[in-house]
PDB file of N, CA and C in Angstrom:
ATOM      1  N   MET A   1     116.343  -6.800 119.712  1.00  0.00           N
ATOM      2  CA  MET A   1     116.590  -8.095 118.384  1.00  0.00           C
ATOM      3  C   MET A   1     116.963  -7.081 117.719  1.00  0.00           C
ATOM      4  N   THR A   2     118.306  -7.409 116.788  1.00  0.00           N
ATOM      5  CA  THR A   2     118.696  -6.805 115.854  1.00  0.00           C
ATOM      6  C   THR A   2     117.819  -7.645 114.549  1.00  0.00           C
ATOM      7  N   PRO A   3     116.981  -6.504 113.621  1.00  0.00           N
ATOM      8  CA  PRO A   3     116.597  -7.308 112.317  1.00  0.00           C
ATOM      9  C   PRO A   3     117.526  -8.011 111.442  1.00  0.00           C
ATOM     10  N   GLN A   4     116.870  -9.253 111.022  1.00  0.00           N
ATOM     11  CA  GLN A   4     117.456 -10.070 110.271  1.00  0.00           C
ATOM     12  C   GLN A   4     117.307 -10.195 108.482  1.00  0.00           C
ATOM     13  N   LEU A   5     118.754 -10.409 107.972  1.00  0.00           N
ATOM     14  CA  LEU A   5     117.929 -10.194 106.489  1.00  0.00           C
ATOM     15  C   LEU A   5     117.009 -11.521 106.098  1.00  0.00           C
ATOM     16  N   ASN A   6     116.609 -11.622 105.490  1.00  0.00           N
ATOM     17  CA  ASN A   6     115.673 -12.770 104.708  1.00  0.00           C
ATOM     18  C   ASN A   6     116.388 -13.186 103.810  1.00  0.00           C
ATOM     19  N   PRO A   7     116.901 -14.631 103.879  1.00  0.00           N
ATOM     20  CA  PRO A   7     117.724 -15.086 102.928  1.00  0.00           C
ATOM     21  C   PRO A   7     116.563 -15.877 101.135  1.00  0.00           C
ATOM     22  N   VAL A   8     115.404 -15.799 101.673  1.00  0.00           N
ATOM     23  CA  VAL A   8     114.840 -16.099 100.651  1.00  0.00           C
ATOM     24  C   VAL A   8     114.628 -14.737  99.609  1.00  0.00           C
ATOM     25  N   ILE A   9     114.002 -13.460 100.148  1.00  0.00           N
ATOM     26  CA  ILE A   9     114.044 -12.398  99.709  1.00  0.00           C
ATOM     27  C   ILE A   9     115.199 -11.706  99.431  1.00  0.00           C
ATOM     28  N   HIS A  10     116.598 -11.929 100.033  1.00  0.00           N
ATOM     29  CA  HIS A  10     117.737 -11.084  99.711  1.00  0.00           C
ATOM     30  C   HIS A  10     118.408 -11.369  98.303  1.00  0.00           C
ATOM     31  N   ALA A  11     117.941 -12.375  97.939  1.00  0.00           N
ATOM     32  CA  ALA A  11     118.908 -12.675  96.471  1.00  0.00           C
ATOM     33  C   ALA A  11     118.181 -11.095  95.432  1.00  0.00           C
ATOM     34  N   PRO A  12     119.496 -11.286  94.973  1.00  0.00           N
ATOM     35  CA  PRO A  12     118.789  -9.279  94.014  1.00  0.00           C
ATOM     36  C   PRO A  12     117.968  -9.415  93.034  1.00  0.00           C
ATOM     37  N   THR A  13     117.383 -10.382  92.603  1.00  0.00           N
ATOM     38  CA  THR A  13     116.539 -10.701  91.518  1.00  0.00           C
ATOM     39  C   THR A  13     115.250 -10.463  92.618  1.00  0.00           C
ATOM     40  N   ARG A  14     115.159 -11.837  93.523  1.00  0.00           N
ATOM     41  CA  ARG A  14     114.062 -11.605  94.235  1.00  0.00           C
ATOM     42  C   ARG A  14     113.695 -10.348  94.908  1.00  0.00           C
ATOM     43  N   LEU A  15     114.380  -9.987  95.556  1.00  0.00           N
ATOM     44  CA  LEU A  15     114.646  -8.505  96.037  1.00  0.00           C
ATOM     45  C   LEU A  15     113.430  -7.602  94.912  1.00  0.00           C
ATOM     46  N   GLN A  16     114.282  -7.632  94.007  1.00  0.00           N
ATOM     47  CA  GLN A  16     113.446  -6.844  92.749  1.00  0.00           C
ATOM     48  C   GLN A  16     112.065  -7.103  92.492  1.00  0.00           C
ATOM     49  N   ILE A  17     112.170  -8.178  92.643  1.00  0.00           N
ATOM     50  CA  ILE A  17     110.373  -9.412  92.299  1.00  0.00           C
ATOM     51  C   ILE A  17     109.501  -8.390  93.201  1.00  0.00           C
ATOM     52  N   VAL A  18     110.036  -8.714  94.554  1.00  0.00           N
ATOM     53  CA  VAL A  18     109.218  -8.318  95.889  1.00  0.00           C
ATOM     54  C   VAL A  18     108.747  -6.658  95.889  1.00  0.00           C
ATOM     55  N   SER A  19     110.132  -6.226  95.943  1.00  0.00           N
ATOM     56  CA  SER A  19     109.668  -4.660  95.735  1.00  0.00           C
ATOM     57  C   SER A  19     108.432  -3.851  94.624  1.00  0.00           C
ATOM     58  N   LEU A  20     109.105  -4.581  93.380  1.00  0.00           N
ATOM     59  CA  LEU A  20     107.811  -4.318  92.481  1.00  0.00           C
ATOM     60  C   LEU A  20     106.578  -4.677  92.685  1.00  0.00           C
ATOM     61  N   LEU A  21     106.448  -5.992  93.416  1.00  0.00           N
ATOM     62  CA  LEU A  21     104.750  -6.437  93.740  1.00  0.00           C
ATOM     63  C   LEU A  21     104.222  -5.566  94.787  1.00  0.00           C
ATOM     64  N   ALA A  22     105.390  -5.012  95.872  1.00  0.00           N
ATOM     65  CA  ALA A  22     104.947  -4.307  97.303  1.00  0.00           C
ATOM     66  C   ALA A  22     103.936  -3.420  96.629  1.00  0.00           C
ATOM     67  N   ALA A  23     104.557  -2.467  95.348  1.00  0.00           N
ATOM     68  CA  ALA A  23     103.698  -1.231  94.922  1.00  0.00           C
ATOM     69  C   ALA A  23     102.213  -1.311  94.237  1.00  0.00           C
ATOM     70  N   ALA A  24     102.069  -2.781  94.060  1.00  0.00           N
ATOM     71  CA  ALA A  24     100.514  -3.072  93.464  1.00  0.00           C
ATOM     72  C   ALA A  24     100.385  -4.155  94.594  1.00  0.00           C
ATOM     73  N   ASP A  25      98.525  -4.226  93.227  1.00  0.00           N
ATOM     74  CA  ASP A  25      97.995  -5.084  94.224  1.00  0.00           C
ATOM     75  C   ASP A  25      98.291  -6.277  93.588  1.00  0.00           C
ATOM     76  N   GLU A  26      98.789  -6.846  92.609  1.00  0.00           N
ATOM     77  CA  GLU A  26      99.239  -7.561  91.282  1.00  0.00           C
ATOM     78  C   GLU A  26      99.629  -6.928  90.326  1.00  0.00           C
ATOM     79  N   ALA A  27     100.227  -7.799  89.450  1.00  0.00           N
ATOM     80  CA  ALA A  27     101.280  -7.451  88.467  1.00  0.00           C
ATOM     81  C   ALA A  27     101.346  -8.713  87.268  1.00  0.00           C
ATOM     82  N   GLU A  28     101.323  -8.482  85.694  1.00  0.00           N
ATOM     83  CA  GLU A  28     101.011  -9.654  85.194  1.00  0.00           C
ATOM     84  C   GLU A  28     102.803  -9.865  84.698  1.00  0.00           C
ATOM     85  N   PHE A  29     102.900 -11.052  84.334  1.00  0.00           N
ATOM     86  CA  PHE A  29     104.306 -11.414  84.137  1.00  0.00           C
ATOM     87  C   PHE A  29     105.183 -10.778  83.443  1.00  0.00           C
ATOM     88  N   ALA A  30     104.092 -10.585  81.879  1.00  0.00           N
ATOM     89  CA  ALA A  30     105.225  -9.687  80.974  1.00  0.00           C
ATOM     90  C   ALA A  30     105.976  -8.372  81.705  1.00  0.00           C
ATOM     91  N   PHE A  31     104.757  -7.388  82.536  1.00  0.00           N
ATOM     92  CA  PHE A  31     104.960  -6.577  82.962  1.00  0.00           C
ATOM     93  C   PHE A  31     105.941  -6.620  83.931  1.00  0.00           C
ATOM     94  N   VAL A  32     106.587  -7.415  85.170  1.00  0.00           N
ATOM     95  CA  VAL A  32     107.438  -7.809  86.086  1.00  0.00           C
ATOM     96  C   VAL A  32     108.947  -7.762  85.394  1.00  0.00           C
ATOM     97  N   ARG A  33     108.870  -9.037  84.354  1.00  0.00           N
ATOM     98  CA  ARG A  33     109.701  -9.497  83.344  1.00  0.00           C
ATOM     99  C   ARG A  33     110.213  -8.156  82.547  1.00  0.00           C
ATOM    100  N   ASP A  34     109.703  -7.474  81.851  1.00  0.00           N
ATOM    101  CA  ASP A  34     109.886  -6.430  81.199  1.00  0.00           C
ATOM    102  C   ASP A  34     110.647  -5.277  82.180  1.00  0.00           C
ATOM    103  N   ASN A  35     109.969  -5.120  83.317  1.00  0.00           N
ATOM    104  CA  ASN A  35     110.477  -3.831  84.239  1.00  0.00           C
ATOM    105  C   ASN A  35     111.862  -4.091  85.089  1.00  0.00           C
ATOM    106  N   LEU A  36     111.710  -5.599  85.466  1.00  0.00           N
ATOM    107  CA  LEU A  36     113.560  -5.970  86.038  1.00  0.00           C
ATOM    108  C   LEU A  36     114.276  -6.555  84.631  1.00  0.00           C
ATOM    109  N   ASP A  37     113.990  -6.548  83.548  1.00  0.00           N
ATOM    110  CA  ASP A  37     114.653  -6.856  82.374  1.00  0.00           C
ATOM    111  C   ASP A  37     115.811  -7.971  82.747  1.00  0.00           C
ATOM    112  N   ILE A  38     114.568  -9.056  82.753  1.00  0.00           N
ATOM    113  CA  ILE A  38     114.950 -10.454  83.085  1.00  0.00           C
ATOM    114  C   ILE A  38     114.645 -11.852  82.202  1.00  0.00           C
ATOM    115  N   SER A  39     114.883 -12.476  81.612  1.00  0.00           N
ATOM    116  CA  SER A  39     114.297 -13.823  81.139  1.00  0.00           C
ATOM    117  C   SER A  39     113.039 -14.318  81.632  1.00  0.00           C
ATOM    118  N   ASP A  40     112.178 -14.917  80.442  1.00  0.00           N
ATOM    119  CA  ASP A  40     110.987 -15.519  81.187  1.00  0.00           C
ATOM    120  C   ASP A  40     111.573 -16.936  82.248  1.00  0.00           C
ATOM    121  N   SER A  41     112.669 -17.946  81.784  1.00  0.00           N
ATOM    122  CA  SER A  41     113.378 -18.419  83.025  1.00  0.00           C
ATOM    123  C   SER A  41     113.559 -18.271  84.128  1.00  0.00           C
ATOM    124  N   VAL A  42     114.162 -16.795  84.241  1.00  0.00           N
ATOM    125  CA  VAL A  42     115.117 -16.161  85.552  1.00  0.00           C
ATOM    126  C   VAL A  42     113.699 -16.120  86.306  1.00  0.00           C
ATOM    127  N   LEU A  43     112.344 -15.477  85.584  1.00  0.00           N
ATOM    128  CA  LEU A  43     111.344 -14.792  86.457  1.00  0.00           C
ATOM    129  C   LEU A  43     110.741 -15.915  86.721  1.00  0.00           C
ATOM    130  N   SER A  44     110.719 -17.184  85.988  1.00  0.00           N
ATOM    131  CA  SER A  44     109.733 -18.270  86.731  1.00  0.00           C
ATOM    132  C   SER A  44     110.474 -19.302  87.664  1.00  0.00           C
ATOM    133  N   LYS A  45     111.236 -19.020  87.953  1.00  0.00           N
ATOM    134  CA  LYS A  45     112.411 -19.699  88.851  1.00  0.00           C
ATOM    135  C   LYS A  45     112.157 -18.924  89.951  1.00  0.00           C
ATOM    136  N   HIS A  46     112.425 -17.573  89.887  1.00  0.00           N
ATOM    137  CA  HIS A  46     112.617 -17.003  91.270  1.00  0.00           C
ATOM    138  C   HIS A  46     111.062 -16.633  91.480  1.00  0.00           C
ATOM    139  N   ALA A  47     110.258 -16.684  90.868  1.00  0.00           N
ATOM    140  CA  ALA A  47     108.732 -16.739  91.248  1.00  0.00           C
ATOM    141  C   ALA A  47     108.350 -17.758  92.375  1.00  0.00           C
ATOM    142  N   SER A  48     108.740 -18.772  91.413  1.00  0.00           N
ATOM    143  CA  SER A  48     108.672 -20.162  91.945  1.00  0.00           C
ATOM    144  C   SER A  48     108.710 -20.425  93.475  1.00  0.00           C
ATOM    145  N   ALA A  49     110.176 -20.274  93.524  1.00  0.00           N
ATOM    146  CA  ALA A  49     111.008 -19.992  94.901  1.00  0.00           C
ATOM    147  C   ALA A  49     110.070 -19.056  95.765  1.00  0.00           C
ATOM    148  N   LEU A  50     109.906 -18.032  95.496  1.00  0.00           N
ATOM    149  CA  LEU A  50     108.709 -17.183  96.380  1.00  0.00           C
ATOM    150  C   LEU A  50     107.634 -17.448  96.378  1.00  0.00           C
ATOM    151  N   GLU A  51     106.896 -18.181  95.756  1.00  0.00           N
ATOM    152  CA  GLU A  51     105.939 -19.241  95.752  1.00  0.00           C
ATOM    153  C   GLU A  51     105.858 -20.288  97.222  1.00  0.00           C
ATOM    154  N   ALA A  52     106.992 -21.099  97.097  1.00  0.00           N
ATOM    155  CA  ALA A  52     106.928 -21.990  98.147  1.00  0.00           C
ATOM    156  C   ALA A  52     107.188 -21.523  99.173  1.00  0.00           C
ATOM    157  N   ALA A  53     108.019 -20.291  99.103  1.00  0.00           N
ATOM    158  CA  ALA A  53     107.831 -19.665 100.684  1.00  0.00           C
ATOM    159  C   ALA A  53     106.647 -19.348 101.073  1.00  0.00           C
ATOM    160  N   GLY A  54     105.897 -19.092 100.586  1.00  0.00           N
ATOM    161  CA  GLY A  54     104.234 -18.483 100.738  1.00  0.00           C
ATOM    162  C   GLY A  54     104.463 -16.862 100.653  1.00  0.00           C
ATOM    163  N   TYR A  55     105.445 -16.295 100.073  1.00  0.00           N
ATOM    164  CA  TYR A  55     105.406 -14.629  99.868  1.00  0.00           C
ATOM    165  C   TYR A  55     104.857 -14.297  98.184  1.00  0.00           C
ATOM    166  N   VAL A  56     104.930 -14.816  97.705  1.00  0.00           N
ATOM    167  CA  VAL A  56     104.050 -14.781  96.623  1.00  0.00           C
ATOM    168  C   VAL A  56     102.719 -15.558  96.280  1.00  0.00           C
ATOM    169  N   LYS A  57     101.544 -15.159  95.189  1.00  0.00           N
ATOM    170  CA  LYS A  57     100.901 -16.072  94.822  1.00  0.00           C
ATOM    171  C   LYS A  57     100.857 -15.984  93.320  1.00  0.00           C
ATOM    172  N   ILE A  58     100.798 -16.826  92.637  1.00  0.00           N
ATOM    173  CA  ILE A  58     100.916 -16.925  90.970  1.00  0.00           C
ATOM    174  C   ILE A  58      99.467 -17.307  90.740  1.00  0.00           C
ATOM    175  N   ARG A  59      98.924 -16.362  89.906  1.00  0.00           N
ATOM    176  CA  ARG A  59      97.714 -16.714  89.614  1.00  0.00           C
ATOM    177  C   ARG A  59      97.509 -16.939  87.765  1.00  0.00           C
ATOM    178  N   LYS A  60      96.919 -17.826  86.936  1.00  0.00           N
ATOM    179  CA  LYS A  60      96.944 -18.145  85.717  1.00  0.00           C
ATOM    180  C   LYS A  60      95.690 -18.184  85.747  1.00  0.00           C
ATOM    181  N   GLY A  61      95.208 -17.274  83.691  1.00  0.00           N
ATOM    182  CA  GLY A  61      94.800 -16.990  83.252  1.00  0.00           C
ATOM    183  C   GLY A  61      94.477 -17.021  81.660  1.00  0.00           C
ATOM    184  N   HIS A  62      93.473 -16.465  81.187  1.00  0.00           N
ATOM    185  CA  HIS A  62      93.087 -16.084  79.946  1.00  0.00           C
ATOM    186  C   HIS A  62      92.824 -14.907  79.626  1.00  0.00           C
ATOM    187  N   VAL A  63      93.417 -14.003  79.094  1.00  0.00           N
ATOM    188  CA  VAL A  63      92.926 -12.538  78.376  1.00  0.00           C
ATOM    189  C   VAL A  63      92.625 -13.182  76.961  1.00  0.00           C
ATOM    190  N   GLY A  64      91.149 -13.240  76.595  1.00  0.00           N
ATOM    191  CA  GLY A  64      91.021 -13.836  75.178  1.00  0.00           C
ATOM    192  C   GLY A  64      91.235 -14.972  75.115  1.00  0.00           C
ATOM    193  N   LYS A  65      91.898 -15.285  74.376  1.00  0.00           N
ATOM    194  CA  LYS A  65      92.530 -16.952  74.225  1.00  0.00           C
ATOM    195  C   LYS A  65      93.927 -17.102  74.431  1.00  0.00           C
ATOM    196  N   ARG A  66      94.246 -15.828  75.288  1.00  0.00           N
ATOM    197  CA  ARG A  66      95.947 -15.900  75.244  1.00  0.00           C
ATOM    198  C   ARG A  66      95.660 -16.250  76.963  1.00  0.00           C
ATOM    199  N   PRO A  67      97.379 -16.920  77.515  1.00  0.00           N
ATOM    200  CA  PRO A  67      97.092 -17.599  78.397  1.00  0.00           C
ATOM    201  C   PRO A  67      97.999 -16.504  79.265  1.00  0.00           C
ATOM    202  N   ARG A  68      97.909 -16.098  80.542  1.00  0.00           N
ATOM    203  CA  ARG A  68      98.166 -15.127  80.981  1.00  0.00           C
ATOM    204  C   ARG A  68      98.594 -15.591  82.704  1.00  0.00           C
ATOM    205  N   THR A  69      99.667 -15.207  82.948  1.00  0.00           N
ATOM    206  CA  THR A  69     100.292 -15.297  84.534  1.00  0.00           C
ATOM    207  C   THR A  69     100.272 -13.669  85.312  1.00  0.00           C
ATOM    208  N   TRP A  70      99.652 -13.828  86.405  1.00  0.00           N
ATOM    209  CA  TRP A  70      99.512 -13.052  87.588  1.00  0.00           C
ATOM    210  C   TRP A  70     100.628 -13.032  88.655  1.00  0.00           C
ATOM    211  N   PHE A  71     100.980 -12.078  89.130  1.00  0.00           N
ATOM    212  CA  PHE A  71     101.904 -12.347  90.547  1.00  0.00           C
ATOM    213  C   PHE A  71     101.393 -10.806  91.617  1.00  0.00           C
ATOM    214  N   SER A  72     100.959 -11.636  93.133  1.00  0.00           N
ATOM    215  CA  SER A  72     100.724 -10.904  94.043  1.00  0.00           C
ATOM    216  C   SER A  72     101.614 -11.515  95.259  1.00  0.00           C
ATOM    217  N   LEU A  73     101.549 -10.518  96.246  1.00  0.00           N
ATOM    218  CA  LEU A  73     101.925 -10.677  97.454  1.00  0.00           C
ATOM    219  C   LEU A  73     101.372 -11.375  98.146  1.00  0.00           C
ATOM    220  N   THR A  74     101.294 -12.052  99.078  1.00  0.00           N
ATOM    221  CA  THR A  74     100.796 -12.835  99.916  1.00  0.00           C
ATOM    222  C   THR A  74     100.523 -11.459 101.022  1.00  0.00           C
ATOM    223  N   ARG A  75      99.857 -12.048 102.329  1.00  0.00           N
ATOM    224  CA  ARG A  75      99.982 -10.806 103.276  1.00  0.00           C
ATOM    225  C   ARG A  75     101.349 -11.671 104.036  1.00  0.00           C
ATOM    226  N   GLU A  76     102.196 -12.606 104.077  1.00  0.00           N
ATOM    227  CA  GLU A  76     103.572 -13.219 104.478  1.00  0.00           C
ATOM    228  C   GLU A  76     104.238 -12.455 103.888  1.00  0.00           C
ATOM    229  N   GLY A  77     104.004 -12.296 102.712  1.00  0.00           N
ATOM    230  CA  GLY A  77     105.374 -11.640 101.945  1.00  0.00           C
ATOM    231  C   GLY A  77     105.159 -10.530 102.229  1.00  0.00           C
ATOM    232  N   ARG A  78     104.289  -9.847 102.007  1.00  0.00           N
ATOM    233  CA  ARG A  78     104.296  -8.185 102.231  1.00  0.00           C
ATOM    234  C   ARG A  78     105.221  -7.844 104.041  1.00  0.00           C
ATOM    235  N   ALA A  79     104.735  -8.665 104.662  1.00  0.00           N
ATOM    236  CA  ALA A  79     105.617  -8.662 105.654  1.00  0.00           C
ATOM    237  C   ALA A  79     106.957  -9.343 105.833  1.00  0.00           C
ATOM    238  N   ALA A  80     107.383 -10.179 105.460  1.00  0.00           N
ATOM    239  CA  ALA A  80     108.799 -10.462 105.127  1.00  0.00           C
ATOM    240  C   ALA A  80     109.393  -9.339 104.784  1.00  0.00           C
ATOM    241  N   TYR A  81     108.617  -8.873 103.320  1.00  0.00           N
ATOM    242  CA  TYR A  81     109.593  -7.622 102.726  1.00  0.00           C
ATOM    243  C   TYR A  81     109.616  -6.386 103.609  1.00  0.00           C
ATOM    244  N   THR A  82     108.708  -6.781 104.685  1.00  0.00           N
ATOM    245  CA  THR A  82     108.864  -5.208 105.215  1.00  0.00           C
ATOM    246  C   THR A  82     109.683  -5.190 106.259  1.00  0.00           C
ATOM    247  N   ALA A  83     110.265  -6.315 106.809  1.00  0.00           N
ATOM    248  CA  ALA A  83     110.859  -6.887 108.301  1.00  0.00           C
ATOM    249  C   ALA A  83     112.328  -6.950 107.387  1.00  0.00           C
ATOM    250  N   HIS A  84     112.787  -7.490 106.254  1.00  0.00           N
ATOM    251  CA  HIS A  84     113.587  -7.414 105.382  1.00  0.00           C
ATOM    252  C   HIS A  84     114.294  -6.009 105.349  1.00  0.00           C
ATOM    253  N   VAL A  85     113.392  -5.039 104.784  1.00  0.00           N
ATOM    254  CA  VAL A  85     113.891  -3.609 104.530  1.00  0.00           C
ATOM    255  C   VAL A  85     114.483  -3.016 105.714  1.00  0.00           C
ATOM    256  N   ALA A  86     113.603  -3.364 107.144  1.00  0.00           N
ATOM    257  CA  ALA A  86     114.207  -2.967 108.341  1.00  0.00           C
ATOM    258  C   ALA A  86     115.695  -3.667 108.229  1.00  0.00           C
ATOM    259  N   ALA A  87     115.417  -4.721 108.150  1.00  0.00           N
ATOM    260  CA  ALA A  87     117.238  -4.722 108.390  1.00  0.00           C
ATOM    261  C   ALA A  87     118.328  -4.073 107.704  1.00  0.00           C
ATOM    262  N   LEU A  88     117.868  -3.945 106.281  1.00  0.00           N
ATOM    263  CA  LEU A  88     118.695  -3.339 105.420  1.00  0.00           C
ATOM    264  C   LEU A  88     118.962  -1.679 105.886  1.00  0.00           C
ATOM    265  N   GLN A  89     117.811  -1.532 106.568  1.00  0.00           N
ATOM    266  CA  GLN A  89     118.072  -0.256 107.061  1.00  0.00           C
ATOM    267  C   GLN A  89     118.939   0.253 108.407  1.00  0.00           C
ATOM    268  N   ALA A  90     118.667  -1.177 109.357  1.00  0.00           N
ATOM    269  CA  ALA A  90     119.359  -1.549 110.546  1.00  0.00           C
ATOM    270  C   ALA A  90     121.243  -1.404 110.018  1.00  0.00           C
ATOM    271  N   ILE A  91     121.014  -2.073 109.167  1.00  0.00           N
ATOM    272  CA  ILE A  91     122.690  -2.628 108.840  1.00  0.00           C
ATOM    273  C   ILE A  91     123.463  -1.039 108.355  1.00  0.00           C
ATOM    274  N   VAL A  92     122.744  -0.611 107.130  1.00  0.00           N
ATOM    275  CA  VAL A  92     123.199   0.764 106.764  1.00  0.00           C
ATOM    276  C   VAL A  92     123.320   1.822 107.594  1.00  0.00           C
ATOM    277  N   THR A  93     122.749   2.245 108.926  1.00  0.00           N
ATOM    278  CA  THR A  93     122.302   3.321 109.377  1.00  0.00           C
ATOM    279  C   THR A  93     123.594   2.889 110.644  1.00  0.00           C
ATOM    280  N   GLN A  94     123.943   1.902 110.635  1.00  0.00           N
ATOM    281  CA  GLN A  94     125.580   1.312 111.891  1.00  0.00           C
ATOM    282  C   GLN A  94     126.484   2.560 111.065  1.00  0.00           C
ATOM    283  N   SER A  95     126.268   2.360 109.687  1.00  0.00           N
ATOM    284  CA  SER A  95     127.612   3.276 108.746  1.00  0.00           C
ATOM    285  C   SER A  95     127.267   5.009 109.175  1.00  0.00           C
ATOM    286  N   GLY A  96     126.463   5.232 109.823  1.00  0.00           N
ATOM    287  CA  GLY A  96     126.232   6.861 109.731  1.00  0.00           C
ATOM    288  C   GLY A  96     124.831   7.412 108.402  1.00  0.00           C
ATOM    289  N   LEU A  97     125.014   6.481 107.455  1.00  0.00           N
ATOM    290  CA  LEU A  97     124.365   6.586 106.032  1.00  0.00           C
ATOM    291  C   LEU A  97     123.061   5.948 106.749  1.00  0.00           C
ATOM    292  N   THR A  98     122.004   6.917 105.861  1.00  0.00           N
ATOM    293  CA  THR A  98     120.375   6.276 105.133  1.00  0.00           C
ATOM    294  C   THR A  98     120.549   5.767 104.406  1.00  0.00           C
ATOM    295  N   VAL A  99     119.299   5.036 104.051  1.00  0.00           N
ATOM    296  CA  VAL A  99     118.948   4.841 102.475  1.00  0.00           C
ATOM    297  C   VAL A  99     117.624   5.479 102.051  1.00  0.00           C
ATOM    298  N   LEU A 100     117.034   6.251 103.145  1.00  0.00           N
ATOM    299  CA  LEU A 100     116.027   7.309 103.131  1.00  0.00           C
ATOM    300  C   LEU A 100     116.396   8.771 102.564  1.00  0.00           C
ATOM    301  N   PRO A 101     116.030   9.223 101.565  1.00  0.00           N
ATOM    302  CA  PRO A 101     116.208  10.577 100.926  1.00  0.00           C
ATOM    303  C   PRO A 101     116.056  11.374 102.528  1.00  0.00           C
ATOM    304  N   GLY A 102     116.725  12.724 102.093  1.00  0.00           N
ATOM    305  CA  GLY A 102     116.495  13.254 103.546  1.00  0.00           C
ATOM    306  C   GLY A 102     117.613  14.087 103.614  1.00  0.00           C
TER     307      GLY A 102
END
């Protein structure tokens, strides 16, 4: 069976968010926002969509008196990201190219 692209993750901003979170246990809102160079509202919207799909856990708390928000991938989110990357690689491989350095 050919791997299928995941429509929830496939949106470019969501793919960037999931990719960034895949490299960490948890990331703070401002770190994700600044690394992806997106606005607070764009990050909030896409993080909420990923949370609704069960791919991202959103944790709120405080550092001192300041409220903070952290994101992490769920087990389902990591599996969905891995499957999505496999589907992208399968598509690219058909052209004789690779997305992997080599």
